[in-house]
């Protein structure tokens, strides 16, 4: 996949040059091709891309256009809803319950995706903690990294601060974990593509199209256990055989959710 990068139609030269600079930076990060807009209609650019994504950099966001009329742009909406639910119920998010994240913790999110889980983890770890998010897809990496740092929509200050604290790395988690020193993170977390899908939002459908599906193995989990100080956590659908296949001894799920979390307590091993 080699994305085509361009900009929105901007009349002001200063704005246009700024957007072109940003599009060039994203193109470099994801191995894409930059094409000046020059009043070209979007359809012409879609044809020029020959089935590859077209990314249009605008003042407020970078929007991905895919064949078949599907579109995507980074939005922290899922994390915002989870934050509001925690505030309303005075209960921790299910991820935080499973991972037992504390202030000051260092967390490795091996499957960053759209960044929602990393934002929630960053909220819990606080300003003295650290979240490192790995994304194997170079396009998703470039877009989500940009979105986390530059989101300009209305948002609670705590969410904004949590977003900007996340370090995003373009890497395959298998190779990254193999290079980690022992006990270098308090929590190591995985949210892989589910083997058996459940009804998904449009954002998750597009994530499947843009992302890279690398199934987890016992070897990857072993590397995670070596790199973790306290817990290794995985999210899957409730009732998934993946928990037992990978040997997770603990699984927690609420009856009202289609999701479940499995975890290893590293001290138990």
Protein backbone atom coordinates (compact mmCIF):
# COMPACT_ATOMS: atom_id res chain seq x y z
CA UNK A 1 0.00 0.00 0.00
CA UNK A 2 1.44 3.37 -1.04
CA UNK A 3 -0.86 6.25 -0.07
CA UNK A 4 -1.19 9.41 -2.11
CA UNK A 5 -0.85 12.58 -0.01
CA UNK A 6 -2.29 15.94 -0.98
CA UNK A 7 -4.02 18.94 0.63
CA UNK A 8 -7.43 20.50 0.75
CA UNK A 9 -8.23 23.29 -1.73
CA UNK A 10 -6.82 26.39 -0.06
CA UNK A 11 -6.74 29.88 -1.61
CA UNK A 12 -4.44 31.48 0.97
CA UNK A 13 -0.84 30.83 -0.03
CA UNK A 14 0.47 30.77 3.54
CA UNK A 15 -2.08 28.15 4.62
CA UNK A 16 -1.55 26.10 1.46
CA UNK A 17 2.24 26.00 1.94
CA UNK A 18 1.82 24.97 5.58
CA UNK A 19 -0.50 22.12 4.62
CA UNK A 20 1.82 21.01 1.83
CA UNK A 21 4.70 20.86 4.29
CA UNK A 22 2.63 18.71 6.63
CA UNK A 23 1.51 16.44 3.79
CA UNK A 24 5.13 15.95 2.75
CA UNK A 25 6.06 15.01 6.32
CA UNK A 26 3.25 12.44 6.52
CA UNK A 27 4.19 11.05 3.10
CA UNK A 28 7.76 10.57 4.29
CA UNK A 29 6.63 8.80 7.46
CA UNK A 30 4.27 6.36 5.73
CA UNK A 31 6.13 5.82 2.45
CA UNK A 32 3.48 7.70 0.48
CA UNK A 33 3.64 9.96 -2.56
CA UNK A 34 2.95 13.69 -2.31
CA UNK A 35 0.95 15.23 -5.15
CA UNK A 36 0.22 19.01 -5.16
CA UNK A 37 -3.54 19.59 -5.21
CA UNK A 38 -3.49 22.30 -7.93
CA UNK A 39 -7.31 22.43 -8.06
CA UNK A 40 -7.53 18.73 -8.96
CA UNK A 41 -10.90 17.17 -8.03
CA UNK A 42 -10.78 14.37 -5.48
CA UNK A 43 -12.02 11.82 -8.03
CA UNK A 44 -9.02 12.51 -10.27
CA UNK A 45 -6.69 11.91 -7.35
CA UNK A 46 -8.51 8.68 -6.43
CA UNK A 47 -7.97 7.43 -9.98
CA UNK A 48 -4.32 8.47 -9.85
CA UNK A 49 -3.88 6.50 -6.60
CA UNK A 50 -4.91 3.27 -8.39
CA UNK A 51 -6.70 1.71 -5.45
CA UNK A 52 -4.38 3.07 -2.75
CA UNK A 53 -5.66 5.44 -0.05
CA UNK A 54 -5.74 9.17 -0.72
CA UNK A 55 -4.92 11.32 2.31
CA UNK A 56 -6.11 14.93 2.19
CA UNK A 57 -4.43 17.15 4.78
CA UNK A 58 -6.77 19.89 6.00
CA UNK A 59 -6.36 22.60 8.62
CA UNK A 60 -8.18 20.61 11.29
CA UNK A 61 -7.50 17.00 10.27
CA UNK A 62 -6.02 14.58 7.77
CA UNK A 63 -8.78 12.62 6.04
CA UNK A 64 -8.22 9.24 4.36
CA UNK A 65 -10.34 8.37 1.33
CA UNK A 66 -10.55 4.69 0.39
CA UNK A 67 -12.05 2.93 -2.63
CA UNK A 68 -15.77 2.34 -2.23
CA UNK A 69 -16.43 5.72 -0.64
CA UNK A 70 -15.13 4.89 2.85
CA UNK A 71 -13.38 7.65 4.78
CA UNK A 72 -11.39 7.90 7.99
CA UNK A 73 -9.85 10.58 10.16
CA UNK A 74 -8.50 10.46 13.68
CA UNK A 75 -10.99 11.33 16.39
CA UNK A 76 -10.66 10.73 20.16
CA UNK A 77 -14.43 10.28 20.54
CA UNK A 78 -14.30 6.73 21.93
CA UNK A 79 -11.87 7.72 24.67
CA UNK A 80 -13.98 10.80 25.46
CA UNK A 81 -17.10 8.63 25.95
CA UNK A 82 -15.19 6.24 28.21
CA UNK A 83 -13.86 9.17 30.24
CA UNK A 84 -17.38 10.56 30.68
CA UNK A 85 -18.65 7.12 31.73
CA UNK A 86 -15.96 6.88 34.40
CA UNK A 87 -16.89 10.33 35.68
CA UNK A 88 -20.62 9.54 35.73
CA UNK A 89 -20.36 6.10 37.35
CA UNK A 90 -17.29 6.73 39.54
CA UNK A 91 -16.05 3.32 38.36
CA UNK A 92 -12.82 2.54 36.51
CA UNK A 93 -12.81 1.73 32.81
CA UNK A 94 -12.70 -2.07 32.25
CA UNK A 95 -9.17 -1.72 30.81
CA UNK A 96 -7.99 -0.01 33.99
CA UNK A 97 -9.65 -2.67 36.13
CA UNK A 98 -7.86 -5.42 34.20
CA UNK A 99 -4.48 -3.69 33.95
CA UNK A 100 -4.53 -2.12 37.42
CA UNK A 101 -2.72 0.94 36.06
CA UNK A 102 -1.40 3.30 38.73
CA UNK A 103 -0.10 6.85 38.64
CA UNK A 104 3.47 6.91 37.44
CA UNK A 105 3.22 3.58 35.60
CA UNK A 106 5.00 2.89 32.33
CA UNK A 107 2.67 1.12 29.87
CA UNK A 108 3.37 -0.47 26.50
CA UNK A 109 0.35 -0.58 24.17
CA UNK A 110 1.47 -3.10 21.55
CA UNK A 111 -1.49 -2.46 19.22
CA UNK A 112 -2.16 1.27 19.23
CA UNK A 113 -4.79 1.35 16.47
CA UNK A 114 -6.95 4.45 16.87
CA UNK A 115 -5.40 5.27 20.25
CA UNK A 116 -8.47 4.99 22.51
CA UNK A 117 -6.97 2.49 24.95
CA UNK A 118 -3.67 4.39 25.06
CA UNK A 119 -5.52 7.60 25.98
CA UNK A 120 -7.36 5.87 28.84
CA UNK A 121 -4.10 4.32 30.05
CA UNK A 122 -2.36 7.70 29.86
CA UNK A 123 -5.12 9.29 31.92
CA UNK A 124 -4.59 6.72 34.67
CA UNK A 125 -0.77 6.86 34.54
CA UNK A 126 -0.85 10.65 34.91
CA UNK A 127 1.82 13.21 34.17
CA UNK A 128 4.51 11.15 35.91
CA UNK A 129 3.66 8.03 33.93
CA UNK A 130 4.35 7.08 30.34
CA UNK A 131 2.47 5.30 27.58
CA UNK A 132 4.31 3.98 24.54
CA UNK A 133 2.02 3.00 21.66
CA UNK A 134 3.22 0.71 18.87
CA UNK A 135 1.53 0.77 15.46
CA UNK A 136 2.73 -1.57 12.71
CA UNK A 137 0.85 0.20 9.89
CA UNK A 138 2.96 3.17 8.82
CA UNK A 139 -0.11 5.09 7.58
CA UNK A 140 -2.05 4.64 10.83
CA UNK A 141 1.10 5.49 12.76
CA UNK A 142 1.52 8.79 10.92
CA UNK A 143 -2.15 9.78 11.19
CA UNK A 144 -2.72 8.80 14.82
CA UNK A 145 0.57 10.36 15.96
CA UNK A 146 -0.50 13.60 14.27
CA UNK A 147 -4.00 13.41 15.74
CA UNK A 148 -2.82 12.80 19.30
CA UNK A 149 -0.50 15.81 19.22
CA UNK A 150 -2.57 18.24 17.15
CA UNK A 151 -6.24 17.56 17.89
CA UNK A 152 -8.05 20.92 17.97
CA UNK A 153 -11.65 19.95 18.65
CA UNK A 154 -13.44 20.68 21.95
CA UNK A 155 -12.14 18.26 24.55
CA UNK A 156 -11.59 18.06 28.30
CA UNK A 157 -8.14 19.33 29.30
CA UNK A 158 -7.37 16.02 31.03
CA UNK A 159 -7.98 14.12 27.77
CA UNK A 160 -5.89 16.56 25.77
CA UNK A 161 -2.99 16.29 28.19
CA UNK A 162 -3.23 12.50 28.20
CA UNK A 163 -3.14 12.45 24.39
CA UNK A 164 -0.03 14.61 24.13
CA UNK A 165 1.86 12.42 26.63
CA UNK A 166 1.63 9.28 24.45
CA UNK A 167 4.79 8.31 22.58
CA UNK A 168 3.91 6.72 19.23
CA UNK A 169 6.35 4.34 17.54
CA UNK A 170 6.03 2.72 14.09
CA UNK A 171 7.02 -0.85 14.94
CA UNK A 172 6.02 -4.50 14.85
CA UNK A 173 5.37 -5.45 18.49
CA UNK A 174 7.15 -8.80 18.03
CA UNK A 175 10.43 -7.15 17.13
CA UNK A 176 9.99 -4.35 19.67
CA UNK A 177 9.32 -6.73 22.56
CA UNK A 178 12.29 -8.89 21.61
CA UNK A 179 14.52 -5.82 21.96
CA UNK A 180 13.11 -4.69 25.33
CA UNK A 181 15.14 -5.18 28.50
CA UNK A 182 13.56 -7.32 31.19
CA UNK A 183 10.88 -5.62 33.28
CA UNK A 184 10.99 -2.40 31.28
CA UNK A 185 7.23 -1.71 31.51
CA UNK A 186 4.76 -2.05 34.37
CA UNK A 187 1.99 -3.20 32.02
CA UNK A 188 2.13 -4.66 28.52
CA UNK A 189 -1.20 -4.54 26.66
CA UNK A 190 -2.59 -6.10 23.48
CA UNK A 191 -5.81 -5.35 21.60
CA UNK A 192 -5.44 -7.50 18.47
CA UNK A 193 -8.02 -7.92 15.72
CA UNK A 194 -10.57 -10.40 17.02
CA UNK A 195 -10.47 -13.83 15.38
CA UNK A 196 -14.29 -13.87 15.38
CA UNK A 197 -15.69 -10.42 14.80
CA UNK A 198 -18.50 -8.68 16.64
CA UNK A 199 -20.58 -5.81 15.22
CA UNK A 200 -18.18 -2.91 14.78
CA UNK A 201 -18.24 0.82 14.26
CA UNK A 202 -17.23 2.28 10.92
CA UNK A 203 -13.96 3.33 12.52
CA UNK A 204 -13.11 -0.26 13.41
CA UNK A 205 -14.04 -1.47 9.93
CA UNK A 206 -11.66 1.08 8.45
CA UNK A 207 -9.00 0.10 10.99
CA UNK A 208 -9.17 -3.44 9.64
CA UNK A 209 -8.65 -2.10 6.13
CA UNK A 210 -5.69 0.11 7.07
CA UNK A 211 -4.07 -1.95 9.81
CA UNK A 212 -1.88 -5.04 9.78
CA UNK A 213 -3.32 -8.21 11.28
CA UNK A 214 -0.54 -10.13 13.00
CA UNK A 215 -2.02 -12.90 15.18
CA UNK A 216 -0.58 -13.21 18.67
CA UNK A 217 1.40 -16.32 19.55
CA UNK A 218 2.63 -17.91 22.75
CA UNK A 219 6.10 -16.66 21.83
CA UNK A 220 4.94 -13.03 21.71
CA UNK A 221 3.21 -13.41 25.07
CA UNK A 222 6.40 -14.92 26.52
CA UNK A 223 8.33 -11.84 25.37
CA UNK A 224 5.67 -9.60 26.91
CA UNK A 225 5.95 -11.44 30.23
CA UNK A 226 9.70 -10.90 30.15
CA UNK A 227 9.27 -7.16 29.47
CA UNK A 228 6.51 -6.62 32.08
CA UNK A 229 6.94 -5.90 35.78
CA UNK A 230 3.32 -6.47 36.86
CA UNK A 231 0.77 -7.45 34.24
CA UNK A 232 0.30 -8.56 30.65
CA UNK A 233 -3.24 -7.87 29.43
CA UNK A 234 -5.17 -8.81 26.29
CA UNK A 235 -8.60 -7.65 25.09
CA UNK A 236 -10.80 -10.05 23.15
CA UNK A 237 -14.46 -10.80 22.67
CA UNK A 238 -16.20 -12.45 25.61
CA UNK A 239 -15.98 -16.24 25.36
CA UNK A 240 -13.07 -16.18 22.92
CA UNK A 241 -10.89 -19.33 22.86
CA UNK A 242 -7.83 -17.06 22.48
CA UNK A 243 -7.58 -16.64 26.25
CA UNK A 244 -7.06 -20.37 26.84
CA UNK A 245 -5.03 -20.85 23.66
CA UNK A 246 -2.48 -18.30 24.88
CA UNK A 247 -2.64 -19.50 28.48
CA UNK A 248 -4.13 -16.46 30.19
CA UNK A 249 -5.03 -17.62 33.71
CA UNK A 250 -7.40 -14.74 34.54
CA UNK A 251 -10.33 -13.43 32.48
CA UNK A 252 -12.71 -10.69 33.59
CA UNK A 253 -15.87 -9.57 31.79
CA UNK A 254 -19.19 -8.00 32.72
CA UNK A 255 -22.45 -9.54 31.59
CA UNK A 256 -23.37 -6.27 29.88
CA UNK A 257 -20.29 -6.18 27.64
CA UNK A 258 -19.30 -8.14 24.55
CA UNK A 259 -15.66 -7.67 25.52
CA UNK A 260 -13.41 -9.39 28.02
CA UNK A 261 -9.88 -8.93 29.31
CA UNK A 262 -7.40 -11.67 30.09
CA UNK A 263 -4.32 -11.04 32.17
CA UNK A 264 -1.17 -12.58 33.61
CA UNK A 265 -0.02 -11.44 37.02
CA UNK A 266 3.73 -11.48 36.46
CA UNK A 267 4.48 -12.07 40.16
CA UNK A 268 2.60 -15.36 39.93
CA UNK A 269 5.08 -16.79 37.43
